[in-house]
Amino acid sequence: MRRLTGRALDPPAESGPAAEDGRTGLPPRAKPGVLVVDDEHLVRVILQLGLERDGFEVWTAANGRQAIELYREHREDIAAVLLDVRMPGLDGPATLGALRELSPAVRACFMTGDPNAYDPEALRQRGAAYFIAKPFRLDHLAHFAYRAFEERASRTI
């Protein structure tokens, strides 16, 4: 099986913090929230299982409209949003625009199966903190989500 590690705007660190649970380095009771938005059911399930295994609380949405509703309800708990770029209805960039209206500081990672169709800098200008090509390693997304959680925590202290 061939794995791409993706092209990242802000690549993951070589090694993460030492983990109390062996994975994310999160204290046992801290559970950062991640919203996964992808129109492919299997992608959502795999990301949810992988991120939950790594200590995250995960919400999933099959499209942009569901993502906006979930974010509206749980924005205080969601540290990062993982968005498929290409989806029917609201695509990833349009969804991120709507999420930014709710919270301008939302941290988002765009995921795409066709990395050559998008300019990472253009996606950054639309608000992406990170851009990764599918298929990717789950630890790259977990690293992004953990960093978003840390940044959010440091703003609230």
N, C-alpha and C. Protein backbone atom coordinates (compact mmCIF):
# COMPACT_ATOMS: atom_id res chain seq x y z
N MET A 1 0.83 -1.16 0.00
CA MET A 1 0.00 0.00 0.00
C MET A 1 0.89 1.24 0.00
N ARG A 2 0.64 2.15 -0.90
CA ARG A 2 1.43 3.35 -1.03
C ARG A 2 0.84 4.45 -0.14
N ARG A 3 1.67 5.10 0.62
CA ARG A 3 1.21 6.19 1.48
C ARG A 3 1.93 7.46 1.12
N LEU A 4 1.17 8.51 0.96
CA LEU A 4 1.76 9.83 0.78
C LEU A 4 1.70 10.53 2.12
N THR A 5 2.71 11.24 2.45
CA THR A 5 2.66 11.99 3.69
C THR A 5 2.04 13.35 3.46
N GLY A 6 1.81 13.73 2.22
CA GLY A 6 1.13 14.98 1.93
C GLY A 6 2.07 16.15 1.86
N ARG A 7 1.55 17.21 1.27
CA ARG A 7 2.29 18.46 1.26
C ARG A 7 1.67 19.32 2.35
N ALA A 8 2.46 19.74 3.26
CA ALA A 8 1.93 20.52 4.37
C ALA A 8 2.39 21.95 4.28
N LEU A 9 1.50 22.87 4.60
CA LEU A 9 1.88 24.27 4.69
C LEU A 9 2.71 24.49 5.94
N ASP A 10 2.42 23.72 6.95
CA ASP A 10 3.08 23.83 8.24
C ASP A 10 3.38 22.40 8.68
N PRO A 11 4.47 21.80 8.20
CA PRO A 11 4.69 20.37 8.40
C PRO A 11 4.79 19.98 9.87
N PRO A 12 4.38 18.74 10.16
CA PRO A 12 4.46 18.27 11.54
C PRO A 12 5.90 18.17 12.01
N ALA A 13 6.06 18.27 13.30
CA ALA A 13 7.40 18.17 13.89
C ALA A 13 7.92 16.76 13.74
N GLU A 14 9.22 16.63 13.81
CA GLU A 14 9.86 15.31 13.72
C GLU A 14 9.35 14.39 14.81
N SER A 15 9.24 14.92 16.01
CA SER A 15 8.74 14.09 17.10
C SER A 15 7.84 14.94 17.97
N GLY A 16 6.74 14.33 18.45
CA GLY A 16 5.78 15.03 19.28
C GLY A 16 6.22 15.03 20.73
N PRO A 17 5.44 15.69 21.56
CA PRO A 17 5.77 15.73 22.98
C PRO A 17 5.65 14.34 23.59
N ALA A 18 6.39 14.12 24.66
CA ALA A 18 6.31 12.83 25.34
C ALA A 18 4.89 12.66 25.85
N ALA A 19 4.32 11.53 25.56
CA ALA A 19 2.91 11.32 25.86
C ALA A 19 2.71 10.53 27.14
N GLU A 20 1.75 11.00 27.94
CA GLU A 20 1.39 10.24 29.12
C GLU A 20 0.67 8.98 28.72
N ASP A 21 -0.10 9.04 27.63
CA ASP A 21 -0.82 7.85 27.18
C ASP A 21 -0.11 7.19 26.00
N GLY A 22 1.11 7.64 25.67
CA GLY A 22 1.86 7.04 24.59
C GLY A 22 1.51 7.56 23.22
N ARG A 23 0.59 8.52 23.11
CA ARG A 23 0.16 8.97 21.79
C ARG A 23 0.27 10.48 21.64
N THR A 24 -0.61 11.24 22.27
CA THR A 24 -0.68 12.68 21.99
C THR A 24 0.05 13.55 22.98
N GLY A 25 0.38 13.05 24.16
CA GLY A 25 0.99 13.88 25.17
C GLY A 25 -0.03 14.67 25.96
N LEU A 26 -1.30 14.38 25.78
CA LEU A 26 -2.35 15.09 26.49
C LEU A 26 -2.48 14.57 27.91
N PRO A 27 -2.77 15.45 28.85
CA PRO A 27 -3.08 14.96 30.18
C PRO A 27 -4.30 14.05 30.08
N PRO A 28 -4.45 13.08 30.97
CA PRO A 28 -5.51 12.09 30.87
C PRO A 28 -6.91 12.66 30.69
N ARG A 29 -7.24 13.80 31.32
CA ARG A 29 -8.60 14.32 31.22
C ARG A 29 -8.79 15.33 30.10
N ALA A 30 -7.76 15.81 29.49
CA ALA A 30 -7.90 16.79 28.42
C ALA A 30 -8.23 16.06 27.12
N LYS A 31 -9.32 16.45 26.51
CA LYS A 31 -9.72 15.84 25.24
C LYS A 31 -10.01 16.96 24.25
N PRO A 32 -9.05 17.30 23.43
CA PRO A 32 -9.31 18.34 22.44
C PRO A 32 -10.32 17.85 21.42
N GLY A 33 -11.12 18.77 20.94
CA GLY A 33 -12.15 18.43 19.98
C GLY A 33 -11.70 18.69 18.54
N VAL A 34 -12.12 17.77 17.66
CA VAL A 34 -11.82 17.89 16.24
C VAL A 34 -13.11 17.64 15.46
N LEU A 35 -13.38 18.52 14.50
CA LEU A 35 -14.51 18.33 13.60
C LEU A 35 -13.95 17.84 12.27
N VAL A 36 -14.39 16.65 11.83
CA VAL A 36 -13.96 16.05 10.58
C VAL A 36 -15.09 16.23 9.57
N VAL A 37 -14.76 16.84 8.42
CA VAL A 37 -15.78 17.11 7.39
C VAL A 37 -15.30 16.48 6.08
N ASP A 38 -16.00 15.44 5.65
CA ASP A 38 -15.65 14.76 4.40
C ASP A 38 -16.90 14.08 3.88
N ASP A 39 -17.12 14.15 2.58
CA ASP A 39 -18.31 13.53 2.01
C ASP A 39 -18.18 12.02 1.86
N GLU A 40 -17.01 11.46 2.07
CA GLU A 40 -16.80 10.01 1.99
C GLU A 40 -16.93 9.40 3.38
N HIS A 41 -17.93 8.54 3.53
CA HIS A 41 -18.21 7.92 4.83
C HIS A 41 -16.99 7.19 5.39
N LEU A 42 -16.34 6.39 4.58
CA LEU A 42 -15.20 5.61 5.06
C LEU A 42 -14.06 6.51 5.57
N VAL A 43 -13.82 7.62 4.90
CA VAL A 43 -12.79 8.57 5.35
C VAL A 43 -13.16 9.12 6.73
N ARG A 44 -14.43 9.49 6.90
CA ARG A 44 -14.87 10.01 8.20
C ARG A 44 -14.68 8.97 9.30
N VAL A 45 -15.05 7.73 9.02
CA VAL A 45 -14.94 6.67 10.03
C VAL A 45 -13.48 6.42 10.40
N ILE A 46 -12.62 6.32 9.41
CA ILE A 46 -11.20 6.07 9.68
C ILE A 46 -10.59 7.21 10.49
N LEU A 47 -10.88 8.44 10.09
CA LEU A 47 -10.35 9.58 10.83
C LEU A 47 -10.90 9.63 12.25
N GLN A 48 -12.19 9.37 12.41
CA GLN A 48 -12.78 9.38 13.74
C GLN A 48 -12.13 8.33 14.63
N LEU A 49 -12.02 7.11 14.14
CA LEU A 49 -11.42 6.04 14.96
C LEU A 49 -9.97 6.34 15.31
N GLY A 50 -9.21 6.81 14.32
CA GLY A 50 -7.80 7.11 14.56
C GLY A 50 -7.60 8.26 15.54
N LEU A 51 -8.39 9.31 15.37
CA LEU A 51 -8.25 10.46 16.26
C LEU A 51 -8.75 10.15 17.67
N GLU A 52 -9.84 9.40 17.77
CA GLU A 52 -10.32 9.01 19.10
C GLU A 52 -9.28 8.13 19.81
N ARG A 53 -8.64 7.24 19.06
CA ARG A 53 -7.59 6.39 19.63
C ARG A 53 -6.45 7.25 20.18
N ASP A 54 -6.21 8.38 19.52
CA ASP A 54 -5.14 9.27 19.95
C ASP A 54 -5.58 10.29 21.00
N GLY A 55 -6.79 10.14 21.54
CA GLY A 55 -7.21 10.96 22.66
C GLY A 55 -8.05 12.17 22.32
N PHE A 56 -8.57 12.26 21.10
CA PHE A 56 -9.38 13.40 20.71
C PHE A 56 -10.86 13.08 20.80
N GLU A 57 -11.66 14.10 21.05
CA GLU A 57 -13.11 13.99 20.92
C GLU A 57 -13.41 14.40 19.49
N VAL A 58 -14.22 13.62 18.77
CA VAL A 58 -14.41 13.84 17.34
C VAL A 58 -15.88 13.98 17.00
N TRP A 59 -16.18 15.00 16.20
CA TRP A 59 -17.48 15.16 15.57
C TRP A 59 -17.26 14.98 14.08
N THR A 60 -18.23 14.39 13.40
CA THR A 60 -18.09 14.20 11.96
C THR A 60 -19.28 14.81 11.23
N ALA A 61 -18.99 15.30 10.03
CA ALA A 61 -20.03 15.88 9.17
C ALA A 61 -19.78 15.42 7.74
N ALA A 62 -20.86 15.10 7.03
CA ALA A 62 -20.77 14.61 5.65
C ALA A 62 -20.74 15.74 4.64
N ASN A 63 -21.02 16.96 5.08
CA ASN A 63 -21.02 18.10 4.15
C ASN A 63 -20.84 19.41 4.92
N GLY A 64 -20.70 20.47 4.18
CA GLY A 64 -20.45 21.78 4.78
C GLY A 64 -21.58 22.26 5.68
N ARG A 65 -22.80 22.04 5.28
CA ARG A 65 -23.94 22.51 6.09
C ARG A 65 -23.98 21.80 7.45
N GLN A 66 -23.76 20.48 7.45
CA GLN A 66 -23.70 19.76 8.73
C GLN A 66 -22.55 20.28 9.58
N ALA A 67 -21.42 20.56 8.94
CA ALA A 67 -20.25 21.07 9.67
C ALA A 67 -20.56 22.39 10.36
N ILE A 68 -21.24 23.26 9.67
CA ILE A 68 -21.58 24.57 10.23
C ILE A 68 -22.49 24.40 11.44
N GLU A 69 -23.48 23.52 11.34
CA GLU A 69 -24.39 23.28 12.47
C GLU A 69 -23.65 22.68 13.66
N LEU A 70 -22.81 21.68 13.40
CA LEU A 70 -22.05 21.08 14.50
C LEU A 70 -21.10 22.08 15.14
N TYR A 71 -20.46 22.89 14.32
CA TYR A 71 -19.53 23.88 14.86
C TYR A 71 -20.30 24.92 15.67
N ARG A 72 -21.45 25.32 15.19
CA ARG A 72 -22.27 26.29 15.93
C ARG A 72 -22.62 25.74 17.31
N GLU A 73 -22.95 24.46 17.40
CA GLU A 73 -23.34 23.83 18.67
C GLU A 73 -22.15 23.55 19.59
N HIS A 74 -20.97 23.25 19.02
CA HIS A 74 -19.85 22.77 19.82
C HIS A 74 -18.57 23.60 19.68
N ARG A 75 -18.68 24.81 19.19
CA ARG A 75 -17.47 25.59 18.89
C ARG A 75 -16.55 25.77 20.09
N GLU A 76 -17.08 25.78 21.29
CA GLU A 76 -16.24 25.93 22.48
C GLU A 76 -15.37 24.70 22.71
N ASP A 77 -15.80 23.56 22.18
CA ASP A 77 -15.08 22.30 22.38
C ASP A 77 -14.20 21.91 21.20
N ILE A 78 -14.38 22.56 20.05
CA ILE A 78 -13.65 22.17 18.83
C ILE A 78 -12.42 23.05 18.67
N ALA A 79 -11.26 22.41 18.71
CA ALA A 79 -10.00 23.14 18.55
C ALA A 79 -9.55 23.19 17.10
N ALA A 80 -9.95 22.19 16.30
CA ALA A 80 -9.48 22.11 14.91
C ALA A 80 -10.56 21.51 14.03
N VAL A 81 -10.54 21.93 12.76
CA VAL A 81 -11.48 21.41 11.76
C VAL A 81 -10.66 20.81 10.62
N LEU A 82 -10.96 19.55 10.29
CA LEU A 82 -10.32 18.88 9.16
C LEU A 82 -11.34 18.85 8.04
N LEU A 83 -11.03 19.54 6.93
CA LEU A 83 -11.99 19.74 5.85
C LEU A 83 -11.53 19.15 4.52
N ASP A 84 -12.39 18.34 3.91
CA ASP A 84 -12.14 17.91 2.55
C ASP A 84 -12.30 19.16 1.66
N VAL A 85 -11.42 19.33 0.70
CA VAL A 85 -11.50 20.50 -0.17
C VAL A 85 -12.71 20.39 -1.10
N ARG A 86 -12.86 19.21 -1.73
CA ARG A 86 -13.92 19.02 -2.72
C ARG A 86 -15.07 18.23 -2.13
N MET A 87 -16.23 18.89 -2.00
CA MET A 87 -17.44 18.23 -1.52
C MET A 87 -18.61 18.81 -2.29
N PRO A 88 -19.68 18.01 -2.45
CA PRO A 88 -20.88 18.56 -3.09
C PRO A 88 -21.49 19.65 -2.21
N GLY A 89 -22.18 20.57 -2.81
CA GLY A 89 -22.77 21.68 -2.05
C GLY A 89 -21.67 22.66 -1.68
N LEU A 90 -21.54 22.90 -0.41
CA LEU A 90 -20.46 23.78 0.06
C LEU A 90 -19.15 23.01 0.03
N ASP A 91 -18.18 23.51 -0.71
CA ASP A 91 -16.87 22.85 -0.70
C ASP A 91 -16.10 23.27 0.55
N GLY A 92 -14.90 22.74 0.71
CA GLY A 92 -14.10 23.05 1.89
C GLY A 92 -13.84 24.53 2.11
N PRO A 93 -13.35 25.25 1.07
CA PRO A 93 -13.10 26.68 1.26
C PRO A 93 -14.37 27.48 1.63
N ALA A 94 -15.51 27.15 1.01
CA ALA A 94 -16.75 27.86 1.34
C ALA A 94 -17.20 27.52 2.76
N THR A 95 -17.03 26.27 3.15
CA THR A 95 -17.38 25.87 4.52
C THR A 95 -16.50 26.61 5.53
N LEU A 96 -15.21 26.68 5.24
CA LEU A 96 -14.31 27.39 6.15
C LEU A 96 -14.71 28.87 6.25
N GLY A 97 -15.10 29.46 5.13
CA GLY A 97 -15.56 30.86 5.16
C GLY A 97 -16.74 31.04 6.11
N ALA A 98 -17.69 30.11 6.06
CA ALA A 98 -18.85 30.19 6.95
C ALA A 98 -18.45 29.95 8.40
N LEU A 99 -17.51 29.03 8.64
CA LEU A 99 -17.05 28.79 10.00
C LEU A 99 -16.32 30.01 10.56
N ARG A 100 -15.58 30.70 9.70
CA ARG A 100 -14.85 31.90 10.13
C ARG A 100 -15.81 33.03 10.50
N GLU A 101 -17.00 33.03 9.93
CA GLU A 101 -18.01 34.02 10.34
C GLU A 101 -18.46 33.75 11.78
N LEU A 102 -18.48 32.47 12.17
CA LEU A 102 -18.83 32.11 13.55
C LEU A 102 -17.67 32.33 14.50
N SER A 103 -16.46 32.04 14.03
CA SER A 103 -15.27 32.17 14.86
C SER A 103 -14.07 32.46 13.96
N PRO A 104 -13.63 33.71 13.88
CA PRO A 104 -12.53 34.07 12.98
C PRO A 104 -11.22 33.33 13.26
N ALA A 105 -11.05 32.82 14.46
CA ALA A 105 -9.78 32.16 14.82
C ALA A 105 -9.80 30.65 14.59
N VAL A 106 -10.83 30.11 13.94
CA VAL A 106 -10.91 28.67 13.75
C VAL A 106 -9.68 28.17 13.00
N ARG A 107 -9.11 27.05 13.49
CA ARG A 107 -7.92 26.44 12.86
C ARG A 107 -8.40 25.31 11.97
N ALA A 108 -8.00 25.33 10.70
CA ALA A 108 -8.48 24.33 9.75
C ALA A 108 -7.34 23.71 8.96
N CYS A 109 -7.53 22.45 8.65
CA CYS A 109 -6.63 21.70 7.79
C CYS A 109 -7.44 21.24 6.58
N PHE A 110 -7.00 21.60 5.38
CA PHE A 110 -7.65 21.11 4.18
C PHE A 110 -7.03 19.78 3.79
N MET A 111 -7.90 18.83 3.42
CA MET A 111 -7.46 17.52 2.94
C MET A 111 -7.96 17.38 1.50
N THR A 112 -7.14 16.79 0.64
CA THR A 112 -7.58 16.61 -0.74
C THR A 112 -6.98 15.35 -1.35
N GLY A 113 -7.77 14.71 -2.20
CA GLY A 113 -7.29 13.56 -2.94
C GLY A 113 -6.59 13.95 -4.23
N ASP A 114 -6.66 15.21 -4.59
CA ASP A 114 -6.04 15.71 -5.82
C ASP A 114 -5.19 16.94 -5.50
N PRO A 115 -4.01 16.73 -4.88
CA PRO A 115 -3.21 17.86 -4.42
C PRO A 115 -2.71 18.77 -5.55
N ASN A 116 -2.61 18.25 -6.76
CA ASN A 116 -2.13 19.08 -7.86
C ASN A 116 -3.18 20.04 -8.39
N ALA A 117 -4.45 19.83 -8.00
CA ALA A 117 -5.53 20.69 -8.47
C ALA A 117 -5.64 21.98 -7.65
N TYR A 118 -4.90 22.05 -6.55
CA TYR A 118 -5.02 23.20 -5.65
C TYR A 118 -3.66 23.78 -5.35
N ASP A 119 -3.61 25.08 -5.26
CA ASP A 119 -2.40 25.78 -4.88
C ASP A 119 -2.41 25.93 -3.35
N PRO A 120 -1.47 25.31 -2.66
CA PRO A 120 -1.47 25.41 -1.19
C PRO A 120 -1.48 26.86 -0.70
N GLU A 121 -0.81 27.75 -1.39
CA GLU A 121 -0.80 29.15 -0.95
C GLU A 121 -2.19 29.77 -1.08
N ALA A 122 -2.91 29.43 -2.14
CA ALA A 122 -4.28 29.95 -2.31
C ALA A 122 -5.18 29.43 -1.19
N LEU A 123 -5.00 28.16 -0.80
CA LEU A 123 -5.79 27.63 0.30
C LEU A 123 -5.40 28.28 1.63
N ARG A 124 -4.13 28.60 1.78
CA ARG A 124 -3.70 29.31 2.99
C ARG A 124 -4.37 30.69 3.05
N GLN A 125 -4.45 31.34 1.93
CA GLN A 125 -5.11 32.65 1.89
C GLN A 125 -6.60 32.55 2.21
N ARG A 126 -7.19 31.39 1.97
CA ARG A 126 -8.60 31.17 2.30
C ARG A 126 -8.76 30.79 3.77
N GLY A 127 -7.64 30.62 4.48
CA GLY A 127 -7.72 30.36 5.91
C GLY A 127 -7.16 29.04 6.38
N ALA A 128 -6.54 28.27 5.50
CA ALA A 128 -5.99 26.98 5.91
C ALA A 128 -4.72 27.18 6.72
N ALA A 129 -4.63 26.49 7.83
CA ALA A 129 -3.40 26.48 8.60
C ALA A 129 -2.51 25.34 8.13
N TYR A 130 -3.12 24.41 7.37
CA TYR A 130 -2.44 23.18 7.00
C TYR A 130 -3.12 22.64 5.74
N PHE A 131 -2.38 21.94 4.91
CA PHE A 131 -2.90 21.34 3.68
C PHE A 131 -2.22 19.99 3.53
N ILE A 132 -3.01 18.94 3.36
CA ILE A 132 -2.42 17.62 3.27
C ILE A 132 -3.12 16.80 2.18
N ALA A 133 -2.33 16.02 1.45
CA ALA A 133 -2.86 15.19 0.37
C ALA A 133 -3.28 13.83 0.90
N LYS A 134 -4.40 13.33 0.39
CA LYS A 134 -4.84 11.97 0.69
C LYS A 134 -4.14 11.02 -0.26
N PRO A 135 -3.82 9.83 0.15
CA PRO A 135 -3.88 9.35 1.53
C PRO A 135 -2.74 9.95 2.34
N PHE A 136 -2.92 9.98 3.62
CA PHE A 136 -1.94 10.59 4.51
C PHE A 136 -1.80 9.74 5.75
N ARG A 137 -0.84 10.09 6.55
CA ARG A 137 -0.64 9.41 7.83
C ARG A 137 -1.50 10.09 8.89
N LEU A 138 -2.21 9.31 9.66
CA LEU A 138 -3.07 9.87 10.70
C LEU A 138 -2.30 10.69 11.72
N ASP A 139 -1.06 10.34 11.98
CA ASP A 139 -0.31 11.09 12.98
C ASP A 139 -0.07 12.53 12.54
N HIS A 140 -0.04 12.80 11.23
CA HIS A 140 0.11 14.19 10.78
C HIS A 140 -1.11 15.01 11.15
N LEU A 141 -2.30 14.44 10.98
CA LEU A 141 -3.51 15.16 11.35
C LEU A 141 -3.62 15.29 12.87
N ALA A 142 -3.25 14.25 13.58
CA ALA A 142 -3.29 14.31 15.04
C ALA A 142 -2.34 15.40 15.55
N HIS A 143 -1.17 15.51 14.93
CA HIS A 143 -0.22 16.54 15.33
C HIS A 143 -0.81 17.93 15.10
N PHE A 144 -1.42 18.14 13.94
CA PHE A 144 -2.06 19.43 13.66
C PHE A 144 -3.14 19.73 14.70
N ALA A 145 -4.02 18.74 14.98
CA ALA A 145 -5.12 18.95 15.92
C ALA A 145 -4.59 19.23 17.32
N TYR A 146 -3.55 18.53 17.72
CA TYR A 146 -2.97 18.77 19.04
C TYR A 146 -2.39 20.18 19.14
N ARG A 147 -1.69 20.61 18.09
CA ARG A 147 -1.13 21.98 18.09
C ARG A 147 -2.23 23.02 18.15
N ALA A 148 -3.33 22.80 17.43
CA ALA A 148 -4.45 23.73 17.46
C ALA A 148 -5.03 23.80 18.87
N PHE A 149 -5.12 22.65 19.54
CA PHE A 149 -5.62 22.60 20.91
C PHE A 149 -4.70 23.37 21.84
N GLU A 150 -3.39 23.18 21.70
CA GLU A 150 -2.43 23.90 22.54
C GLU A 150 -2.53 25.40 22.33
N GLU A 151 -2.63 25.83 21.07
CA GLU A 151 -2.73 27.25 20.76
C GLU A 151 -4.00 27.84 21.35
N ARG A 152 -5.09 27.11 21.24
CA ARG A 152 -6.37 27.57 21.78
C ARG A 152 -6.29 27.68 23.30
N ALA A 153 -5.68 26.70 23.95
CA ALA A 153 -5.54 26.71 25.41
C ALA A 153 -4.69 27.87 25.87
N SER A 154 -3.63 28.17 25.12
CA SER A 154 -2.75 29.27 25.53
C SER A 154 -3.44 30.63 25.36
N ARG A 155 -4.42 30.74 24.47
CA ARG A 155 -5.16 31.99 24.31
C ARG A 155 -6.16 32.21 25.42
N THR A 156 -6.62 31.12 26.07
CA THR A 156 -7.64 31.24 27.10
C THR A 156 -7.07 31.33 28.50
N ILE A 157 -5.75 31.19 28.63
CA ILE A 157 -5.13 31.25 29.97
C ILE A 157 -4.91 32.69 30.36
